[in-house]
Amino acid sequence: MNQGVHLSDFLFRTALTAIAVILSIGAELVLETMHASAPYLVFLPTIIGACALGGFVMALCAIAFSAIGLLFFFIPPNGFALPNAADFVHLAIFIAVAAFGCWIIDGLRRSNHELTRDNVMLGCKISSLLHQRRIR
């Protein structure tokens, strides 16, 4: 019986998502030392992984953590400050694209779950029919 997500489970998954975003920030800092900066791209695998493994809510947490990390470390590069118009548009597009991708992935996850459930039900019905056939 599914009793839902408990608060401790939610907090644990949120902490794992935050750690993954911190690792993405570290990866981007390493890339910057090699003059291969791509601050928006390094967060996408983390966001997609959070969505695939934790669902849409964890993806939203990853998007929020990533946006905060981008604002603090990379836009502008001197801590929290209001971004200029171009940086704000880039951040908004990043958030929209990440949310859209996660919406698609979450829809695929839900469809897969429904198909798996239906497959199990079908297997039970076939098993029952075969069992009835053997009795007769």
C-alpha atoms as a PDB file:
ATOM      1  CA  MET A   1       0.000   0.000   0.000  1.00  0.00           C
ATOM      2  CA  ASN A   2       1.420   3.351  -1.031  1.00  0.00           C
ATOM      3  CA  GLN A   3       1.363   5.766   1.894  1.00  0.00           C
ATOM      4  CA  GLY A   4       2.779   8.692  -0.027  1.00  0.00           C
ATOM      5  CA  VAL A   5       6.039  10.480   0.354  1.00  0.00           C
ATOM      6  CA  HIS A   6       7.107  11.106   3.918  1.00  0.00           C
ATOM      7  CA  LEU A   7       8.755  14.367   4.899  1.00  0.00           C
ATOM      8  CA  SER A   8      12.074  12.670   5.688  1.00  0.00           C
ATOM      9  CA  ASP A   9      12.126  11.061   2.235  1.00  0.00           C
ATOM     10  CA  PHE A  10      11.361  14.396   0.610  1.00  0.00           C
ATOM     11  CA  LEU A  11      14.111  16.140   2.584  1.00  0.00           C
ATOM     12  CA  PHE A  12      16.590  13.380   1.720  1.00  0.00           C
ATOM     13  CA  ARG A  13      15.812  13.633  -1.996  1.00  0.00           C
ATOM     14  CA  THR A  14      16.015  17.429  -1.817  1.00  0.00           C
ATOM     15  CA  ALA A  15      19.420  17.175  -0.136  1.00  0.00           C
ATOM     16  CA  LEU A  16      20.641  14.794  -2.854  1.00  0.00           C
ATOM     17  CA  THR A  17      19.396  17.223  -5.486  1.00  0.00           C
ATOM     18  CA  ALA A  18      21.228  20.097  -3.777  1.00  0.00           C
ATOM     19  CA  ILE A  19      24.438  18.041  -3.643  1.00  0.00           C
ATOM     20  CA  ALA A  20      24.109  17.243  -7.356  1.00  0.00           C
ATOM     21  CA  VAL A  21      23.692  20.954  -8.128  1.00  0.00           C
ATOM     22  CA  ILE A  22      26.756  21.753  -6.004  1.00  0.00           C
ATOM     23  CA  LEU A  23      28.715  19.180  -8.023  1.00  0.00           C
ATOM     24  CA  SER A  24      27.494  20.878 -11.211  1.00  0.00           C
ATOM     25  CA  ILE A  25      28.718  24.218  -9.875  1.00  0.00           C
ATOM     26  CA  GLY A  26      32.088  22.611  -9.153  1.00  0.00           C
ATOM     27  CA  ALA A  27      32.216  21.159 -12.659  1.00  0.00           C
ATOM     28  CA  GLU A  28      31.509  24.584 -14.147  1.00  0.00           C
ATOM     29  CA  LEU A  29      34.212  26.184 -12.009  1.00  0.00           C
ATOM     30  CA  VAL A  30      36.676  23.576 -13.289  1.00  0.00           C
ATOM     31  CA  LEU A  31      35.551  24.243 -16.867  1.00  0.00           C
ATOM     32  CA  GLU A  32      36.101  27.962 -16.362  1.00  0.00           C
ATOM     33  CA  THR A  33      39.722  27.332 -15.374  1.00  0.00           C
ATOM     34  CA  MET A  34      40.147  25.535 -18.704  1.00  0.00           C
ATOM     35  CA  HIS A  35      38.471  28.421 -20.573  1.00  0.00           C
ATOM     36  CA  ALA A  36      35.542  26.210 -21.623  1.00  0.00           C
ATOM     37  CA  SER A  37      32.726  27.901 -19.748  1.00  0.00           C
ATOM     38  CA  ALA A  38      29.141  26.707 -20.305  1.00  0.00           C
ATOM     39  CA  PRO A  39      27.332  27.703 -17.112  1.00  0.00           C
ATOM     40  CA  TYR A  40      23.816  26.812 -18.231  1.00  0.00           C
ATOM     41  CA  LEU A  41      24.658  23.466 -19.834  1.00  0.00           C
ATOM     42  CA  VAL A  42      26.325  21.840 -16.830  1.00  0.00           C
ATOM     43  CA  PHE A  43      23.083  22.058 -14.838  1.00  0.00           C
ATOM     44  CA  LEU A  44      20.894  20.302 -17.417  1.00  0.00           C
ATOM     45  CA  PRO A  45      22.097  16.729 -16.671  1.00  0.00           C
ATOM     46  CA  THR A  46      21.458  17.316 -12.981  1.00  0.00           C
ATOM     47  CA  ILE A  47      17.974  18.667 -13.644  1.00  0.00           C
ATOM     48  CA  ILE A  48      17.114  15.848 -16.049  1.00  0.00           C
ATOM     49  CA  GLY A  49      18.468  13.242 -13.625  1.00  0.00           C
ATOM     50  CA  ALA A  50      16.454  14.726 -10.768  1.00  0.00           C
ATOM     51  CA  CYS A  51      13.329  14.556 -12.906  1.00  0.00           C
ATOM     52  CA  ALA A  52      13.954  11.021 -14.121  1.00  0.00           C
ATOM     53  CA  LEU A  53      14.750   9.662 -10.665  1.00  0.00           C
ATOM     54  CA  GLY A  54      12.742  11.893  -8.345  1.00  0.00           C
ATOM     55  CA  GLY A  55       9.853  13.237 -10.382  1.00  0.00           C
ATOM     56  CA  PHE A  56       8.729  16.684 -11.394  1.00  0.00           C
ATOM     57  CA  VAL A  57       8.900  18.177  -7.891  1.00  0.00           C
ATOM     58  CA  MET A  58      12.571  17.232  -7.537  1.00  0.00           C
ATOM     59  CA  ALA A  59      13.187  18.666 -10.999  1.00  0.00           C
ATOM     60  CA  LEU A  60      11.661  21.960  -9.871  1.00  0.00           C
ATOM     61  CA  CYS A  61      13.946  21.901  -6.821  1.00  0.00           C
ATOM     62  CA  ALA A  62      16.940  21.265  -9.090  1.00  0.00           C
ATOM     63  CA  ILE A  63      15.880  24.126 -11.370  1.00  0.00           C
ATOM     64  CA  ALA A  64      15.529  26.466  -8.380  1.00  0.00           C
ATOM     65  CA  PHE A  65      18.899  25.415  -6.906  1.00  0.00           C
ATOM     66  CA  SER A  66      20.530  25.777 -10.327  1.00  0.00           C
ATOM     67  CA  ALA A  67      19.068  29.254 -10.843  1.00  0.00           C
ATOM     68  CA  ILE A  68      20.326  30.315  -7.409  1.00  0.00           C
ATOM     69  CA  GLY A  69      23.764  28.858  -8.195  1.00  0.00           C
ATOM     70  CA  LEU A  70      23.843  30.642 -11.534  1.00  0.00           C
ATOM     71  CA  LEU A  71      22.865  33.938  -9.927  1.00  0.00           C
ATOM     72  CA  PHE A  72      25.426  33.645  -7.149  1.00  0.00           C
ATOM     73  CA  PHE A  73      28.439  32.242  -8.996  1.00  0.00           C
ATOM     74  CA  PHE A  74      28.089  33.090 -12.666  1.00  0.00           C
ATOM     75  CA  ILE A  75      25.570  35.942 -13.267  1.00  0.00           C
ATOM     76  CA  PRO A  76      27.161  38.478 -12.373  1.00  0.00           C
ATOM     77  CA  PRO A  77      30.343  36.894 -11.100  1.00  0.00           C
ATOM     78  CA  ASN A  78      30.439  38.879  -7.839  1.00  0.00           C
ATOM     79  CA  GLY A  79      27.679  37.331  -5.694  1.00  0.00           C
ATOM     80  CA  PHE A  80      24.000  38.095  -5.517  1.00  0.00           C
ATOM     81  CA  ALA A  81      23.040  41.162  -7.503  1.00  0.00           C
ATOM     82  CA  LEU A  82      20.329  42.021  -9.945  1.00  0.00           C
ATOM     83  CA  PRO A  83      21.258  40.676 -13.375  1.00  0.00           C
ATOM     84  CA  ASN A  84      21.176  42.928 -16.385  1.00  0.00           C
ATOM     85  CA  ALA A  85      18.408  42.449 -18.937  1.00  0.00           C
ATOM     86  CA  ALA A  86      20.366  40.062 -21.166  1.00  0.00           C
ATOM     87  CA  ASP A  87      21.373  37.826 -18.253  1.00  0.00           C
ATOM     88  CA  PHE A  88      17.817  37.846 -16.939  1.00  0.00           C
ATOM     89  CA  VAL A  89      16.479  36.745 -20.344  1.00  0.00           C
ATOM     90  CA  HIS A  90      19.116  33.975 -20.551  1.00  0.00           C
ATOM     91  CA  LEU A  91      18.168  32.762 -17.080  1.00  0.00           C
ATOM     92  CA  ALA A  92      14.449  32.878 -17.888  1.00  0.00           C
ATOM     93  CA  ILE A  93      14.988  30.895 -21.093  1.00  0.00           C
ATOM     94  CA  PHE A  94      17.117  28.366 -19.184  1.00  0.00           C
ATOM     95  CA  ILE A  95      14.366  27.909 -16.587  1.00  0.00           C
ATOM     96  CA  ALA A  96      11.657  27.596 -19.263  1.00  0.00           C
ATOM     97  CA  VAL A  97      13.614  25.063 -21.333  1.00  0.00           C
ATOM     98  CA  ALA A  98      14.534  23.009 -18.259  1.00  0.00           C
ATOM     99  CA  ALA A  99      10.933  23.015 -16.991  1.00  0.00           C
ATOM    100  CA  PHE A 100       9.596  22.034 -20.424  1.00  0.00           C
ATOM    101  CA  GLY A 101      12.083  19.183 -20.744  1.00  0.00           C
ATOM    102  CA  CYS A 102      11.207  17.952 -17.265  1.00  0.00           C
ATOM    103  CA  TRP A 103       7.492  18.168 -18.042  1.00  0.00           C
ATOM    104  CA  ILE A 104       8.064  15.874 -21.035  1.00  0.00           C
ATOM    105  CA  ILE A 105      10.239  13.460 -19.035  1.00  0.00           C
ATOM    106  CA  ASP A 106       7.708  13.354 -16.201  1.00  0.00           C
ATOM    107  CA  GLY A 107       4.929  12.604 -18.675  1.00  0.00           C
ATOM    108  CA  LEU A 108       6.987   9.733 -20.071  1.00  0.00           C
ATOM    109  CA  ARG A 109       7.647   8.443 -16.531  1.00  0.00           C
ATOM    110  CA  ARG A 110       3.922   8.507 -15.732  1.00  0.00           C
ATOM    111  CA  SER A 111       3.002   6.781 -19.004  1.00  0.00           C
ATOM    112  CA  ASN A 112       5.626   4.108 -18.374  1.00  0.00           C
ATOM    113  CA  HIS A 113       4.280   3.569 -14.858  1.00  0.00           C
ATOM    114  CA  GLU A 114       0.712   3.198 -16.170  1.00  0.00           C
ATOM    115  CA  LEU A 115       1.816   0.756 -18.875  1.00  0.00           C
ATOM    116  CA  THR A 116       3.739  -1.291 -16.308  1.00  0.00           C
ATOM    117  CA  ARG A 117       0.689  -1.409 -14.045  1.00  0.00           C
ATOM    118  CA  ASP A 118      -1.560  -2.425 -16.948  1.00  0.00           C
ATOM    119  CA  ASN A 119       0.956  -5.082 -18.007  1.00  0.00           C
ATOM    120  CA  VAL A 120       0.905  -6.622 -14.513  1.00  0.00           C
ATOM    121  CA  MET A 121      -2.902  -6.598 -14.490  1.00  0.00           C
ATOM    122  CA  LEU A 122      -2.983  -8.247 -17.915  1.00  0.00           C
ATOM    123  CA  GLY A 123      -0.506 -10.893 -16.740  1.00  0.00           C
ATOM    124  CA  CYS A 124      -2.733 -11.651 -13.750  1.00  0.00           C
ATOM    125  CA  LYS A 125      -5.786 -12.005 -15.989  1.00  0.00           C
ATOM    126  CA  ILE A 126      -3.936 -14.318 -18.382  1.00  0.00           C
ATOM    127  CA  SER A 127      -2.670 -16.388 -15.469  1.00  0.00           C
ATOM    128  CA  SER A 128      -6.192 -16.651 -14.085  1.00  0.00           C
ATOM    129  CA  LEU A 129      -7.588 -17.705 -17.477  1.00  0.00           C
ATOM    130  CA  LEU A 130      -4.872 -20.339 -17.910  1.00  0.00           C
ATOM    131  CA  HIS A 131      -5.545 -21.642 -14.402  1.00  0.00           C
ATOM    132  CA  GLN A 132      -9.282 -21.900 -15.139  1.00  0.00           C
ATOM    133  CA  ARG A 133      -8.544 -23.676 -18.393  1.00  0.00           C
ATOM    134  CA  ARG A 134      -6.457 -26.316 -16.560  1.00  0.00           C
ATOM    135  CA  ILE A 135      -9.233 -26.954 -14.021  1.00  0.00           C
ATOM    136  CA  ARG A 136     -11.803 -27.806 -16.690  1.00  0.00           C
END
